[in-house]
N, C-alpha and C. Protein backbone atom coordinates (compact mmCIF):
# COMPACT_ATOMS: atom_id res chain seq x y z
N MET A 1 211.98 104.75 121.27
CA MET A 1 210.90 105.68 120.98
C MET A 1 209.63 104.89 120.73
N SER A 2 208.53 105.39 121.25
CA SER A 2 207.24 104.74 121.10
C SER A 2 206.71 104.91 119.68
N PRO A 3 205.85 103.99 119.25
CA PRO A 3 205.24 104.15 117.92
C PRO A 3 204.39 105.42 117.86
N TRP A 4 204.34 106.02 116.67
CA TRP A 4 203.50 107.21 116.49
C TRP A 4 202.04 106.80 116.47
N PRO A 5 201.21 107.43 117.31
CA PRO A 5 199.77 107.14 117.27
C PRO A 5 199.15 107.65 115.97
N ASP A 6 198.17 106.92 115.48
CA ASP A 6 197.44 107.38 114.30
C ASP A 6 196.78 108.72 114.58
N PHE A 7 196.46 109.44 113.51
CA PHE A 7 195.81 110.75 113.63
C PHE A 7 194.40 110.62 113.05
N LEU A 8 193.42 111.13 113.79
CA LEU A 8 192.02 111.09 113.35
C LEU A 8 191.55 112.50 113.07
N TYR A 9 191.04 112.71 111.86
CA TYR A 9 190.54 114.04 111.48
C TYR A 9 189.30 113.87 110.61
N LYS A 10 188.22 114.47 111.05
CA LYS A 10 186.94 114.43 110.33
C LYS A 10 186.54 113.00 109.96
N GLY A 11 186.69 112.10 110.92
CA GLY A 11 186.27 110.72 110.74
C GLY A 11 187.24 109.85 109.94
N LYS A 12 188.35 110.40 109.48
CA LYS A 12 189.32 109.62 108.71
C LYS A 12 190.57 109.39 109.56
N THR A 13 191.07 108.16 109.52
CA THR A 13 192.28 107.81 110.26
C THR A 13 193.48 107.87 109.34
N TYR A 14 194.52 108.55 109.80
CA TYR A 14 195.77 108.66 109.07
C TYR A 14 196.82 107.85 109.85
N SER A 15 197.19 106.70 109.31
CA SER A 15 198.15 105.82 109.98
C SER A 15 199.55 106.40 109.86
N LEU A 16 200.27 106.38 110.96
CA LEU A 16 201.65 106.84 110.99
C LEU A 16 202.62 105.69 111.27
N SER A 17 202.14 104.47 111.13
CA SER A 17 202.97 103.30 111.43
C SER A 17 204.21 103.22 110.54
N HIS A 18 204.15 103.82 109.35
CA HIS A 18 205.32 103.80 108.45
C HIS A 18 206.49 104.62 109.01
N LEU A 19 206.21 105.46 110.01
CA LEU A 19 207.25 106.30 110.61
C LEU A 19 207.73 105.78 111.97
N ASN A 20 207.34 104.58 112.32
CA ASN A 20 207.86 103.99 113.54
C ASN A 20 209.32 103.61 113.32
N GLY A 21 210.12 103.74 114.35
CA GLY A 21 211.54 103.45 114.24
C GLY A 21 211.80 102.01 113.83
N PHE A 22 212.95 101.80 113.18
CA PHE A 22 213.34 100.47 112.76
C PHE A 22 214.86 100.41 112.61
N ALA A 23 215.38 99.19 112.55
CA ALA A 23 216.81 98.98 112.32
C ALA A 23 217.03 98.68 110.85
N HIS A 24 218.15 99.16 110.33
CA HIS A 24 218.50 98.91 108.93
C HIS A 24 220.01 98.71 108.84
N VAL A 25 220.43 97.84 107.93
CA VAL A 25 221.85 97.62 107.70
C VAL A 25 222.21 98.22 106.34
N TYR A 26 223.11 99.20 106.38
CA TYR A 26 223.64 99.80 105.15
C TYR A 26 224.87 98.99 104.76
N ILE A 27 224.98 98.70 103.47
CA ILE A 27 226.11 97.92 102.98
C ILE A 27 226.92 98.76 102.01
N GLN A 28 228.19 98.90 102.33
CA GLN A 28 229.12 99.58 101.43
C GLN A 28 229.86 98.46 100.69
N VAL A 29 229.62 98.35 99.39
CA VAL A 29 230.19 97.25 98.62
C VAL A 29 231.71 97.34 98.58
N ALA A 30 232.34 96.18 98.49
CA ALA A 30 233.80 96.12 98.42
C ALA A 30 234.28 96.79 97.15
N GLN A 31 235.40 97.45 97.27
CA GLN A 31 236.06 98.09 96.13
C GLN A 31 237.52 97.66 96.17
N PRO A 32 238.24 97.81 95.04
CA PRO A 32 239.66 97.41 95.06
C PRO A 32 240.40 98.05 96.25
N GLY A 33 240.96 97.20 97.08
CA GLY A 33 241.71 97.67 98.25
C GLY A 33 240.85 98.02 99.45
N LYS A 34 239.51 97.90 99.32
CA LYS A 34 238.61 98.22 100.44
C LYS A 34 237.60 97.07 100.61
N PRO A 35 237.49 96.55 101.82
CA PRO A 35 236.55 95.45 102.05
C PRO A 35 235.09 95.96 102.11
N GLU A 36 234.16 95.02 101.97
CA GLU A 36 232.75 95.36 102.19
C GLU A 36 232.59 95.80 103.64
N ARG A 37 231.76 96.79 103.85
CA ARG A 37 231.46 97.25 105.21
C ARG A 37 229.96 97.22 105.41
N ARG A 38 229.56 96.84 106.62
CA ARG A 38 228.14 96.83 106.99
C ARG A 38 227.96 97.71 108.21
N TYR A 39 226.91 98.50 108.17
CA TYR A 39 226.63 99.42 109.26
C TYR A 39 225.18 99.20 109.72
N SER A 40 225.02 98.75 110.95
CA SER A 40 223.70 98.58 111.53
C SER A 40 223.28 99.92 112.16
N VAL A 41 222.14 100.43 111.73
CA VAL A 41 221.70 101.75 112.16
C VAL A 41 220.26 101.69 112.65
N GLN A 42 220.00 102.34 113.78
CA GLN A 42 218.63 102.49 114.28
C GLN A 42 218.10 103.78 113.68
N ILE A 43 216.94 103.74 113.04
CA ILE A 43 216.38 104.89 112.34
C ILE A 43 215.10 105.35 113.03
N PHE A 44 215.01 106.68 113.21
CA PHE A 44 213.85 107.29 113.85
C PHE A 44 213.35 108.46 113.01
N PHE A 45 212.09 108.81 113.16
CA PHE A 45 211.48 109.93 112.45
C PHE A 45 210.81 110.86 113.45
N SER A 46 211.00 112.15 113.28
CA SER A 46 210.37 113.11 114.19
C SER A 46 208.98 113.50 113.67
N ASP A 47 208.23 114.16 114.53
CA ASP A 47 206.89 114.62 114.13
C ASP A 47 206.95 115.72 113.07
N HIS A 48 208.12 116.32 112.85
CA HIS A 48 208.25 117.35 111.81
C HIS A 48 208.10 116.77 110.41
N CYS A 49 208.10 115.45 110.30
CA CYS A 49 207.92 114.80 109.00
C CYS A 49 206.46 114.80 108.57
N PHE A 50 205.54 115.08 109.50
CA PHE A 50 204.12 115.07 109.14
C PHE A 50 203.33 116.20 109.82
N THR A 51 204.01 117.10 110.51
CA THR A 51 203.34 118.25 111.13
C THR A 51 204.06 119.54 110.75
N GLN A 52 203.42 120.66 111.03
CA GLN A 52 204.04 121.97 110.82
C GLN A 52 203.76 122.85 112.02
N ASP A 53 204.45 123.99 112.08
CA ASP A 53 204.22 124.94 113.17
C ASP A 53 202.76 125.34 113.23
N LEU A 54 202.30 125.56 114.43
CA LEU A 54 200.93 125.98 114.67
C LEU A 54 200.75 127.44 114.28
N LYS A 55 199.69 127.71 113.50
CA LYS A 55 199.35 129.09 113.12
C LYS A 55 198.01 129.43 113.78
N PRO A 56 197.78 130.72 114.10
CA PRO A 56 196.52 131.10 114.74
C PRO A 56 195.28 130.70 113.93
N SER A 57 195.42 130.63 112.62
CA SER A 57 194.26 130.32 111.76
C SER A 57 194.01 128.81 111.62
N ASP A 58 194.88 127.97 112.20
CA ASP A 58 194.72 126.52 112.03
C ASP A 58 193.51 125.98 112.79
N ASP A 59 192.88 125.00 112.19
CA ASP A 59 191.76 124.29 112.81
C ASP A 59 192.31 123.57 114.04
N PRO A 60 191.77 123.82 115.24
CA PRO A 60 192.26 123.15 116.45
C PRO A 60 192.22 121.62 116.36
N ALA A 61 191.34 121.10 115.53
CA ALA A 61 191.24 119.65 115.36
C ALA A 61 192.47 119.08 114.65
N LEU A 62 193.30 119.96 114.06
CA LEU A 62 194.52 119.50 113.38
C LEU A 62 195.72 119.37 114.33
N LEU A 63 195.55 119.77 115.58
CA LEU A 63 196.65 119.63 116.54
C LEU A 63 196.98 118.14 116.70
N TYR A 64 198.26 117.83 116.53
CA TYR A 64 198.68 116.44 116.71
C TYR A 64 198.99 116.24 118.19
N PRO A 65 198.28 115.34 118.85
CA PRO A 65 198.38 115.22 120.31
C PRO A 65 199.72 114.74 120.85
N SER A 66 200.50 114.00 120.09
CA SER A 66 201.75 113.45 120.61
C SER A 66 202.98 114.28 120.26
N ALA A 67 202.80 115.42 119.66
CA ALA A 67 203.94 116.27 119.33
C ALA A 67 204.57 116.79 120.62
N LEU A 68 205.88 117.02 120.58
CA LEU A 68 206.58 117.51 121.77
C LEU A 68 206.15 118.93 122.13
N LYS A 69 205.84 119.72 121.11
CA LYS A 69 205.25 121.04 121.32
C LYS A 69 204.07 121.14 120.36
N PRO A 70 203.13 122.05 120.59
CA PRO A 70 201.94 122.10 119.73
C PRO A 70 202.30 122.28 118.25
N ARG A 71 201.89 121.32 117.45
CA ARG A 71 202.09 121.34 116.01
C ARG A 71 200.84 120.80 115.34
N CYS A 72 200.62 121.22 114.09
CA CYS A 72 199.44 120.80 113.34
C CYS A 72 199.78 119.74 112.31
N PHE A 73 198.89 118.79 112.20
CA PHE A 73 199.02 117.77 111.16
C PHE A 73 199.03 118.47 109.81
N HIS A 74 199.94 118.05 108.92
CA HIS A 74 200.09 118.68 107.61
C HIS A 74 199.91 117.59 106.55
N PHE A 75 198.89 117.73 105.72
CA PHE A 75 198.51 116.66 104.80
C PHE A 75 199.57 116.39 103.73
N GLN A 76 200.20 117.42 103.18
CA GLN A 76 201.24 117.19 102.17
C GLN A 76 202.45 116.49 102.79
N ARG A 77 202.89 116.97 103.95
CA ARG A 77 204.02 116.32 104.63
C ARG A 77 203.68 114.86 104.93
N TYR A 78 202.46 114.62 105.36
CA TYR A 78 202.03 113.25 105.66
C TYR A 78 202.13 112.37 104.41
N GLU A 79 201.56 112.83 103.30
CA GLU A 79 201.58 112.02 102.07
C GLU A 79 203.01 111.73 101.63
N LEU A 80 203.87 112.73 101.66
CA LEU A 80 205.26 112.53 101.26
C LEU A 80 206.02 111.65 102.25
N SER A 81 205.61 111.68 103.52
CA SER A 81 206.31 110.87 104.53
C SER A 81 206.21 109.38 104.25
N LYS A 82 205.25 108.99 103.46
CA LYS A 82 205.10 107.57 103.12
C LYS A 82 206.31 107.05 102.34
N TYR A 83 207.04 107.96 101.68
CA TYR A 83 208.23 107.59 100.92
C TYR A 83 209.50 107.59 101.79
N LEU A 84 209.43 108.17 102.97
CA LEU A 84 210.62 108.35 103.79
C LEU A 84 211.36 107.05 104.15
N PRO A 85 210.70 106.03 104.67
CA PRO A 85 211.47 104.84 105.07
C PRO A 85 212.31 104.26 103.92
N GLU A 86 211.73 104.14 102.75
CA GLU A 86 212.46 103.58 101.62
C GLU A 86 213.56 104.53 101.15
N THR A 87 213.28 105.81 101.15
CA THR A 87 214.29 106.79 100.76
C THR A 87 215.49 106.73 101.70
N ILE A 88 215.23 106.66 102.99
CA ILE A 88 216.30 106.60 103.99
C ILE A 88 217.10 105.30 103.86
N LYS A 89 216.45 104.21 103.56
CA LYS A 89 217.15 102.93 103.38
C LYS A 89 218.10 102.97 102.19
N ASN A 90 217.84 103.85 101.23
CA ASN A 90 218.61 103.88 99.99
C ASN A 90 219.56 105.08 99.90
N LEU A 91 220.08 105.52 101.02
CA LEU A 91 220.97 106.68 101.04
C LEU A 91 222.42 106.39 100.66
N MET A 92 222.83 105.13 100.63
CA MET A 92 224.25 104.80 100.55
C MET A 92 225.00 105.53 99.44
N SER A 93 224.42 105.73 98.29
CA SER A 93 225.15 106.38 97.20
C SER A 93 224.77 107.86 97.03
N GLU A 94 224.01 108.40 97.96
CA GLU A 94 223.53 109.78 97.84
C GLU A 94 224.60 110.81 98.22
N ARG A 95 224.58 111.91 97.50
CA ARG A 95 225.41 113.08 97.82
C ARG A 95 224.56 113.99 98.70
N LEU A 96 225.08 114.31 99.87
CA LEU A 96 224.34 115.08 100.86
C LEU A 96 224.86 116.50 100.94
N THR A 97 224.02 117.38 101.43
CA THR A 97 224.41 118.75 101.70
C THR A 97 224.50 118.92 103.21
N GLN A 98 225.60 119.49 103.68
CA GLN A 98 225.70 119.80 105.10
C GLN A 98 225.03 121.14 105.33
N THR A 99 224.23 121.23 106.39
CA THR A 99 223.44 122.44 106.63
C THR A 99 224.15 123.45 107.51
N GLY A 100 225.17 123.05 108.24
CA GLY A 100 225.81 123.94 109.19
C GLY A 100 225.22 123.83 110.58
N HIS A 101 224.27 122.92 110.78
CA HIS A 101 223.63 122.71 112.08
C HIS A 101 223.84 121.28 112.56
N GLU A 102 224.98 120.69 112.20
CA GLU A 102 225.31 119.31 112.56
C GLU A 102 224.33 118.29 111.99
N ASN A 103 223.61 118.70 110.94
CA ASN A 103 222.77 117.73 110.26
C ASN A 103 222.99 117.83 108.76
N PHE A 104 222.34 116.94 108.04
CA PHE A 104 222.54 116.83 106.60
C PHE A 104 221.20 116.84 105.89
N LEU A 105 221.27 117.15 104.62
CA LEU A 105 220.08 117.31 103.81
C LEU A 105 220.24 116.53 102.52
N VAL A 106 219.21 115.82 102.15
CA VAL A 106 219.16 115.19 100.84
C VAL A 106 217.86 115.67 100.19
N VAL A 107 217.91 116.02 98.92
CA VAL A 107 216.74 116.50 98.20
C VAL A 107 216.34 115.43 97.19
N LYS A 108 215.11 115.01 97.27
CA LYS A 108 214.59 114.01 96.34
C LYS A 108 213.47 114.66 95.53
N LEU A 109 213.40 114.30 94.27
CA LEU A 109 212.30 114.78 93.44
C LEU A 109 211.15 113.80 93.61
N MET A 110 210.01 114.32 94.00
CA MET A 110 208.83 113.49 94.22
C MET A 110 207.70 113.98 93.34
N ASP A 111 206.85 113.08 92.96
CA ASP A 111 205.68 113.44 92.17
C ASP A 111 204.47 113.39 93.09
N LEU A 112 203.85 114.53 93.25
CA LEU A 112 202.68 114.62 94.12
C LEU A 112 201.55 115.22 93.31
N GLU A 113 200.54 114.40 93.04
CA GLU A 113 199.38 114.85 92.27
C GLU A 113 199.78 115.42 90.91
N GLY A 114 200.73 114.76 90.24
CA GLY A 114 201.13 115.17 88.91
C GLY A 114 202.17 116.28 88.87
N ASN A 115 202.62 116.76 90.04
CA ASN A 115 203.63 117.82 90.09
C ASN A 115 204.91 117.27 90.69
N THR A 116 206.03 117.62 90.09
CA THR A 116 207.31 117.24 90.65
C THR A 116 207.73 118.30 91.65
N VAL A 117 208.06 117.87 92.85
CA VAL A 117 208.45 118.80 93.91
C VAL A 117 209.81 118.37 94.47
N GLU A 118 210.53 119.34 95.03
CA GLU A 118 211.80 119.05 95.69
C GLU A 118 211.51 118.79 97.17
N TYR A 119 211.64 117.55 97.56
CA TYR A 119 211.34 117.10 98.91
C TYR A 119 212.65 117.08 99.70
N GLU A 120 212.77 117.96 100.68
CA GLU A 120 213.99 118.09 101.46
C GLU A 120 213.89 117.25 102.73
N ILE A 121 214.89 116.43 102.94
CA ILE A 121 214.92 115.52 104.09
C ILE A 121 216.14 115.87 104.93
N PHE A 122 215.91 116.32 106.15
CA PHE A 122 216.98 116.70 107.07
C PHE A 122 217.16 115.59 108.10
N PHE A 123 218.40 115.18 108.30
CA PHE A 123 218.64 114.12 109.29
C PHE A 123 220.00 114.31 109.95
N LYS A 124 220.12 113.66 111.09
CA LYS A 124 221.39 113.65 111.82
C LYS A 124 221.79 112.20 112.01
N LEU A 125 223.05 111.91 111.71
CA LEU A 125 223.61 110.59 111.93
C LEU A 125 224.60 110.72 113.07
N SER A 126 224.45 109.88 114.09
CA SER A 126 225.32 110.00 115.26
C SER A 126 225.72 108.62 115.77
N LEU A 127 226.76 108.62 116.57
CA LEU A 127 227.24 107.41 117.24
C LEU A 127 226.99 107.62 118.72
N GLU A 128 226.09 106.81 119.28
CA GLU A 128 225.73 106.92 120.69
C GLU A 128 225.91 105.57 121.35
N ASN A 129 226.75 105.52 122.36
CA ASN A 129 227.04 104.25 123.06
C ASN A 129 227.46 103.16 122.08
N LYS A 130 228.32 103.54 121.13
CA LYS A 130 228.87 102.64 120.11
C LYS A 130 227.81 102.12 119.14
N LYS A 131 226.66 102.78 119.08
CA LYS A 131 225.59 102.38 118.15
C LYS A 131 225.25 103.57 117.25
N LEU A 132 225.07 103.27 115.96
CA LEU A 132 224.71 104.32 115.00
C LEU A 132 223.21 104.59 115.06
N LYS A 133 222.90 105.87 115.04
CA LYS A 133 221.50 106.30 115.10
C LYS A 133 221.29 107.37 114.02
N LEU A 134 220.25 107.20 113.22
CA LEU A 134 219.89 108.18 112.21
C LEU A 134 218.51 108.72 112.57
N ASN A 135 218.47 110.02 112.84
CA ASN A 135 217.21 110.66 113.21
C ASN A 135 216.79 111.60 112.09
N VAL A 136 215.67 111.28 111.44
CA VAL A 136 215.11 112.17 110.42
C VAL A 136 214.40 113.28 111.19
N GLU A 137 215.00 114.47 111.16
CA GLU A 137 214.52 115.59 111.97
C GLU A 137 213.35 116.31 111.33
N SER A 138 213.33 116.36 110.00
CA SER A 138 212.26 117.06 109.30
C SER A 138 212.29 116.66 107.83
N ALA A 139 211.16 116.79 107.17
CA ALA A 139 211.06 116.51 105.75
C ALA A 139 209.87 117.29 105.20
N TYR A 140 210.13 118.08 104.18
CA TYR A 140 209.06 118.92 103.63
C TYR A 140 209.47 119.50 102.29
N VAL A 141 208.50 120.11 101.62
CA VAL A 141 208.73 120.87 100.40
C VAL A 141 208.94 122.32 100.83
N ARG A 142 210.12 122.86 100.54
CA ARG A 142 210.44 124.23 100.94
C ARG A 142 209.75 125.21 100.00
N ASP A 143 209.15 126.26 100.58
CA ASP A 143 208.52 127.31 99.79
C ASP A 143 209.56 128.23 99.18
N ASP A 144 210.63 128.49 99.93
CA ASP A 144 211.65 129.46 99.52
C ASP A 144 212.96 128.73 99.22
N LYS A 145 213.20 128.39 97.95
CA LYS A 145 214.40 127.64 97.56
C LYS A 145 215.67 128.44 97.79
N GLU A 146 215.57 129.77 97.82
CA GLU A 146 216.75 130.62 98.02
C GLU A 146 217.40 130.41 99.38
N ARG A 147 216.65 129.98 100.36
CA ARG A 147 217.16 129.86 101.72
C ARG A 147 217.71 128.47 102.04
N ARG A 148 217.82 127.59 101.05
CA ARG A 148 218.30 126.23 101.32
C ARG A 148 219.74 126.30 101.84
N PRO A 149 220.01 125.70 102.99
CA PRO A 149 221.36 125.75 103.56
C PRO A 149 222.34 124.91 102.73
N ASP A 150 223.58 125.37 102.62
CA ASP A 150 224.60 124.63 101.89
C ASP A 150 225.97 125.00 102.44
N ARG A 151 226.52 124.13 103.28
CA ARG A 151 227.84 124.34 103.87
C ARG A 151 228.86 123.36 103.31
N GLY A 152 228.49 122.71 102.21
CA GLY A 152 229.39 121.75 101.59
C GLY A 152 228.67 120.42 101.38
N HIS A 153 229.39 119.48 100.76
CA HIS A 153 228.78 118.21 100.40
C HIS A 153 229.63 117.04 100.86
N VAL A 154 228.96 115.92 101.05
CA VAL A 154 229.63 114.68 101.43
C VAL A 154 228.71 113.53 100.98
N TYR A 155 229.31 112.43 100.59
CA TYR A 155 228.51 111.25 100.24
C TYR A 155 228.14 110.51 101.52
N PHE A 156 226.95 109.91 101.50
CA PHE A 156 226.48 109.18 102.68
C PHE A 156 227.47 108.09 103.07
N ALA A 157 228.04 107.39 102.08
CA ALA A 157 229.00 106.31 102.39
C ALA A 157 230.19 106.85 103.19
N THR A 158 230.65 108.04 102.85
CA THR A 158 231.75 108.66 103.60
C THR A 158 231.28 109.07 104.98
N LEU A 159 230.10 109.66 105.05
CA LEU A 159 229.54 110.12 106.32
C LEU A 159 229.40 108.95 107.30
N ILE A 160 228.80 107.86 106.87
CA ILE A 160 228.56 106.76 107.79
C ILE A 160 229.88 106.11 108.22
N PHE A 161 230.86 106.03 107.30
CA PHE A 161 232.17 105.49 107.65
C PHE A 161 232.82 106.35 108.73
N LYS A 162 232.85 107.65 108.52
CA LYS A 162 233.50 108.57 109.47
C LYS A 162 232.79 108.56 110.82
N ILE A 163 231.47 108.67 110.80
CA ILE A 163 230.70 108.70 112.05
C ILE A 163 230.90 107.40 112.81
N SER A 164 230.91 106.27 112.12
CA SER A 164 231.08 104.97 112.80
C SER A 164 232.44 104.86 113.48
N LYS A 165 233.42 105.61 112.99
CA LYS A 165 234.77 105.62 113.57
C LYS A 165 234.94 106.74 114.60
N GLY A 166 233.88 107.55 114.80
CA GLY A 166 233.96 108.67 115.74
C GLY A 166 234.74 109.84 115.21
N GLU A 167 234.88 109.92 113.90
CA GLU A 167 235.65 111.00 113.28
C GLU A 167 234.75 112.16 112.85
N LYS A 168 235.35 113.33 112.72
CA LYS A 168 234.65 114.50 112.21
C LYS A 168 234.48 114.37 110.69
N VAL A 169 233.42 114.95 110.20
CA VAL A 169 233.15 114.94 108.76
C VAL A 169 233.42 116.33 108.22
N ARG A 170 234.27 116.38 107.22
CA ARG A 170 234.60 117.66 106.59
C ARG A 170 234.07 117.64 105.17
N PRO A 171 232.92 118.28 104.94
CA PRO A 171 232.36 118.29 103.60
C PRO A 171 233.19 119.16 102.65
N THR A 172 233.01 118.93 101.36
CA THR A 172 233.68 119.72 100.33
C THR A 172 232.65 120.57 99.61
N LYS A 173 233.09 121.65 99.06
CA LYS A 173 232.18 122.52 98.29
C LYS A 173 231.93 121.97 96.92
């Protein structure tokens, strides 16, 4: 995937270089009867991490030119996206929610301008040509907490182990 081009709005440049893909090694520490495991993963971020659906009232200058379909640059998503690479690197001990759409959700509490918000990060972990790939599909603060998907839970360490072996993941309630 190509690097995300910067976004220019009203004379200000918003760098998106922090969302360029990168490789990361997740380490599952050894436990009694279980050896240390290392998982090399290629990580990517979609434009949904810093854009939102286009609304008729949106300023046309907010259209992000490299989006796959017309989407508008979203300032809150952009600011929170700066935390994404580090958050994704530190998933190993996280408890995830399965959404029912072959992807997973982790909710992080973030402080934005003095307010704590629930930042939802949706991603898919897959094995493609014997290589692990983690695609962050979207990340945002949900307006309607009642609609948060929940089809069960699984720890990231279990998820990455199962996916690396080509096995199905069965979350628990």
